[in-house]
Protein backbone atom coordinates (compact mmCIF):
# COMPACT_ATOMS: atom_id res chain seq x y z
CA MET A 1 -3.41 -10.49 -2.16
CA THR A 2 -1.30 -7.68 -0.76
CA VAL A 3 2.29 -8.50 0.20
CA ILE A 4 4.23 -5.88 2.15
CA ASN A 5 7.80 -6.40 3.35
CA GLU A 6 10.05 -4.17 5.41
CA PHE A 7 13.40 -2.93 4.15
CA GLU A 8 15.98 -0.61 5.66
CA GLU A 9 16.02 2.72 3.85
CA LYS A 10 18.47 5.59 4.22
CA CYS A 11 16.92 9.04 4.45
CA SER A 12 18.35 11.52 1.98
CA VAL A 13 17.71 14.39 4.40
CA CYS A 14 19.20 13.24 7.71
CA GLY A 15 21.23 10.27 6.51
CA LYS A 16 19.77 7.88 9.09
CA THR A 17 18.24 4.51 8.25
CA SER A 18 14.90 3.05 9.31
CA PRO A 19 12.68 0.09 8.37
CA GLN A 20 10.08 1.07 5.79
CA PRO A 21 7.11 -0.87 4.35
CA VAL A 22 7.47 -1.79 0.69
CA MET A 23 4.46 -3.13 -1.18
CA MET A 24 5.61 -6.10 -3.23
CA SER A 25 2.22 -6.87 -4.75
CA THR A 26 -1.46 -6.14 -4.32
CA SER A 27 -4.78 -6.69 -6.06
CA THR A 28 -8.27 -5.26 -6.28
CA PHE A 29 -11.65 -6.96 -6.28
CA GLY A 30 -14.59 -4.91 -7.42
CA TYR A 31 -15.09 -1.39 -8.69
CA PRO A 32 -13.34 1.77 -7.49
CA ASP A 33 -15.13 4.64 -5.78
CA LEU A 34 -16.20 7.53 -7.98
CA ASP A 35 -13.09 9.44 -6.87
CA LEU A 36 -11.00 6.48 -8.13
CA ARG A 37 -10.13 5.14 -4.67
CA PRO A 38 -9.39 1.46 -5.35
CA SER A 39 -11.33 -1.42 -3.88
CA GLU A 40 -9.84 -3.96 -1.51
CA MET A 41 -7.19 -5.20 -1.01
CA LYS A 42 -5.23 -2.26 -2.37
CA ARG A 43 -7.64 0.03 -0.53
CA SER A 44 -6.18 -0.97 2.82
CA SER A 45 -2.55 -0.62 1.75
CA MET A 46 -2.41 3.18 1.98
CA PHE A 47 -0.12 3.08 5.00
CA ALA A 48 2.60 1.72 2.68
CA TRP A 49 2.17 4.22 -0.16
CA LEU A 50 4.56 6.70 1.47
CA HIS A 51 7.59 6.36 3.71
CA VAL A 52 8.15 8.50 6.81
CA CYS A 53 11.55 9.03 8.37
CA PRO A 54 11.13 8.61 12.16
CA HIS A 55 14.23 10.75 12.76
CA CYS A 56 13.56 13.94 10.78
CA GLY A 57 9.94 13.53 9.63
CA TYR A 58 10.65 13.56 5.88
CA VAL A 59 7.79 12.05 3.85
CA ALA A 60 8.25 10.65 0.34
CA SER A 61 7.44 7.66 -1.83
CA SER A 62 11.07 6.72 -1.14
CA LEU A 63 13.24 8.37 1.51
CA GLU A 64 16.16 8.04 -0.89
CA ASN A 65 14.53 10.65 -3.13
CA GLU A 66 16.14 14.05 -2.69
CA LEU A 67 14.04 16.72 -0.96
CA GLU A 68 13.60 19.44 -3.58
CA VAL A 69 12.76 22.25 -1.14
CA PRO A 70 14.69 23.67 1.84
CA CYS A 71 14.78 21.11 4.66
CA GLU A 72 13.58 23.81 7.09
CA ILE A 73 10.05 22.95 5.98
CA LEU A 74 10.29 19.74 8.03
CA LYS A 75 10.75 21.85 11.18
CA SER A 76 8.01 24.37 10.44
CA GLU A 77 4.98 24.58 12.71
CA GLU A 78 2.64 23.99 9.76
CA TYR A 79 4.45 20.75 8.87
CA LEU A 80 4.77 19.49 12.45
CA THR A 81 1.13 20.24 13.34
CA CYS A 82 -0.31 19.35 9.90
CA GLY A 83 -1.71 22.83 9.62
CA GLY A 84 -3.44 22.51 12.97
CA HIS A 85 -5.36 19.37 12.01
CA ASP A 86 -5.39 16.92 14.91
CA PHE A 87 -5.32 13.84 12.71
CA LYS A 88 -5.69 10.50 14.47
CA SER A 89 -4.19 8.32 11.76
CA LYS A 90 -0.62 8.22 10.54
CA SER A 91 -1.87 8.01 6.95
CA SER A 92 -3.75 11.31 7.21
CA LYS A 93 -0.63 12.97 8.62
CA MET A 94 1.80 11.63 6.04
CA PHE A 95 -0.36 12.53 3.03
CA TYR A 96 -1.00 16.01 4.43
CA ARG A 97 2.72 16.55 4.94
CA GLN A 98 3.45 15.29 1.43
CA HIS A 99 1.02 17.91 0.14
CA LEU A 100 2.94 20.63 2.01
CA ILE A 101 6.21 19.52 0.44
CA SER A 102 4.60 19.37 -3.02
CA LYS A 103 3.04 22.80 -2.54
CA ALA A 104 6.42 24.28 -1.60
CA ASP A 105 7.88 22.65 -4.72
CA ASN A 106 5.07 24.06 -6.93
CA ASP A 107 4.14 20.51 -7.96
CA CYS A 108 0.37 20.99 -8.28
CA ARG A 109 -0.26 17.42 -9.48
CA SER A 110 1.43 15.86 -6.45
CA GLU A 111 -0.17 18.47 -4.20
CA PHE A 112 -3.63 17.56 -5.45
CA PHE A 113 -3.27 13.80 -5.24
CA SER A 114 -1.66 14.03 -1.80
CA LEU A 115 -4.74 15.91 -0.58
CA LEU A 116 -7.07 13.45 -2.32
CA HIS A 117 -5.32 10.54 -0.60
CA CYS A 118 -5.42 12.46 2.68
CA ALA A 119 -9.20 12.77 2.24
CA TRP A 120 -9.42 8.99 1.75
CA ALA A 121 -7.48 8.47 4.97
CA CYS A 122 -9.79 10.93 6.71
CA ASP A 123 -12.78 8.89 5.53
CA ASP A 124 -11.33 5.95 7.46
CA ARG A 125 -10.21 7.58 10.72
CA ASP A 126 -10.50 11.38 10.69
CA GLU A 127 -13.96 11.89 9.28
CA GLU A 128 -14.37 15.35 10.82
CA PHE A 129 -11.64 16.68 8.51
CA ALA A 130 -12.75 14.94 5.30
CA VAL A 131 -14.87 17.80 3.93
CA GLU A 132 -12.21 20.43 4.68
CA ILE A 133 -9.46 18.41 3.01
CA ARG A 134 -11.62 17.92 -0.08
CA LYS A 135 -12.19 21.66 -0.26
CA MET A 136 -8.44 22.15 -0.12
CA ALA A 137 -7.98 19.64 -2.95
CA LEU A 138 -10.45 21.59 -5.08
CA LYS A 139 -8.17 24.62 -4.90
CA SER A 140 -5.37 22.72 -6.62
CA ILE A 141 -7.19 20.53 -9.15
CA ASP A 142 -7.82 23.33 -11.67
CA ARG A 143 -4.08 24.05 -11.82
CA ILE A 144 -3.31 20.60 -13.20
CA GLY A 145 -2.72 20.63 -16.93
CA ALA A 146 -4.29 17.48 -18.34
CA GLU A 147 -1.87 15.58 -20.57
CA ASP A 148 -4.57 13.94 -22.70
CA GLU A 149 -8.35 13.62 -23.13
CA ASP A 150 -8.65 10.70 -20.70
CA GLU A 151 -6.91 12.61 -17.93
CA LYS A 152 -9.04 15.67 -18.66
CA ASN A 153 -12.19 13.56 -18.25
CA ASN A 154 -10.86 11.93 -15.09
CA LEU A 155 -10.17 15.36 -13.59
CA ILE A 156 -13.71 16.47 -14.43
CA LEU A 157 -15.14 13.44 -12.64
CA LEU A 158 -12.78 13.86 -9.69
CA LYS A 159 -13.80 17.50 -9.32
CA ALA A 160 -17.49 16.60 -9.48
CA ASP A 161 -17.06 14.02 -6.73
CA LEU A 162 -15.01 16.39 -4.58
CA LEU A 163 -17.72 19.04 -4.88
CA ARG A 164 -20.50 16.60 -3.99
CA ARG A 165 -18.59 14.95 -1.11
CA SER A 166 -17.79 18.43 0.29
CA VAL A 167 -21.50 19.35 0.20
CA GLN A 168 -21.16 21.93 -2.60
CA PHE A 169 -24.19 20.66 -4.49
CA ASP A 170 -25.25 23.90 -6.20
CA ARG A 171 -21.72 24.59 -7.44
CA LEU A 172 -21.47 21.09 -8.92
CA ILE A 173 -24.78 21.43 -10.73
CA SER A 174 -23.98 24.91 -12.02
CA GLU A 175 -20.53 23.95 -13.29
CA PHE A 176 -21.34 20.60 -14.91
CA LYS A 177 -25.03 20.57 -15.87
CA ASP A 178 -24.26 21.47 -19.50
CA VAL A 179 -21.04 19.44 -19.83
CA ILE A 180 -21.19 16.54 -22.26
CA ILE A 181 -18.31 14.06 -22.37
CA ASN A 182 -17.74 12.13 -25.58
CA ASP A 183 -17.72 8.78 -23.81
CA LYS A 184 -20.84 7.00 -22.51
CA LEU A 185 -19.38 5.73 -19.24
CA TYR A 186 -17.77 9.06 -18.37
CA ASN A 187 -21.01 10.83 -19.25
CA ASP A 188 -23.06 8.41 -17.13
CA LEU A 189 -20.70 8.95 -14.21
CA LEU A 190 -21.07 12.73 -14.47
CA SER A 191 -24.86 12.50 -14.80
CA PHE A 192 -24.94 10.32 -11.68
CA GLN A 193 -22.98 12.94 -9.75
CA ILE A 194 -25.41 15.66 -10.83
CA GLU A 195 -28.39 13.48 -9.93
CA LYS A 196 -27.02 12.83 -6.43
CA ALA A 197 -26.19 16.52 -6.01
CA MET A 198 -29.81 17.39 -6.81
CA GLU A 199 -30.81 14.92 -4.08
CA LYS A 200 -28.37 16.61 -1.64
CA ASP A 201 -26.57 13.28 -1.29
CA CYS A 202 -22.90 13.51 -0.27
CA GLY A 203 -22.39 9.78 0.26
CA CYS A 204 -19.65 7.56 -1.11
CA TYR A 205 -20.52 5.65 -4.29
CA THR A 206 -18.67 3.28 -6.59
CA VAL A 207 -18.61 2.87 -10.35
CA GLU A 208 -20.73 -0.24 -9.84
CA ASP A 209 -23.51 1.92 -8.36
CA VAL A 210 -23.56 3.95 -11.57
CA LEU A 211 -23.61 0.87 -13.79
CA LYS A 212 -26.55 -0.55 -11.84
CA ASN A 213 -28.34 2.78 -12.11
CA THR A 214 -27.88 3.08 -15.89
CA ASN A 215 -28.05 -0.59 -16.89
CA PRO A 216 -31.03 -2.31 -15.24
CA PRO A 217 -30.81 -6.13 -15.12
CA VAL A 218 -32.31 -8.10 -17.96
CA ILE A 219 -35.24 -10.28 -16.80
């Protein structure tokens, strides 16, 4: 189960305190989506993944973390309006604002995953922005330097899913049709993405859908 408690946290930017949700524990049941979004119950805990200062608007995993860019960014029109996106959910707003801070700090990894998480939040409440946010995430994923082979493969699969979910079927097929990953599951996942792209299918799928597709039940 997911356990979330509230604790007072002092903001490193404005010095004021506020109650913030802290996830003490969580769990998952089932397979993740193809873009690695976890299953329940962790899936519904996104509102607690970041903290937002109600006084100055600073967004971070912990408000005690120092802001590494000029604090004027928190007062900019782009930050305050989330780049003109009229998000309905607080989660969409906070992940988008985290991406702006990460972008200003030239932290491409944080920038990418903030946008990915923003897309997940859009799937839940702000569906009209989901495709656009995924297209934005695609602009930053290629700038991430993979630290090992597993991360490289994960980034390939994430990019394939982002392309398919943002309705860029031909680009996905062109870029990945000749890619072979030296791991059966990873390869099956990529083949599934290409298959769905050929079908013009931009729906959400899980790893379980791929396993069922590649491993028919024994009768």
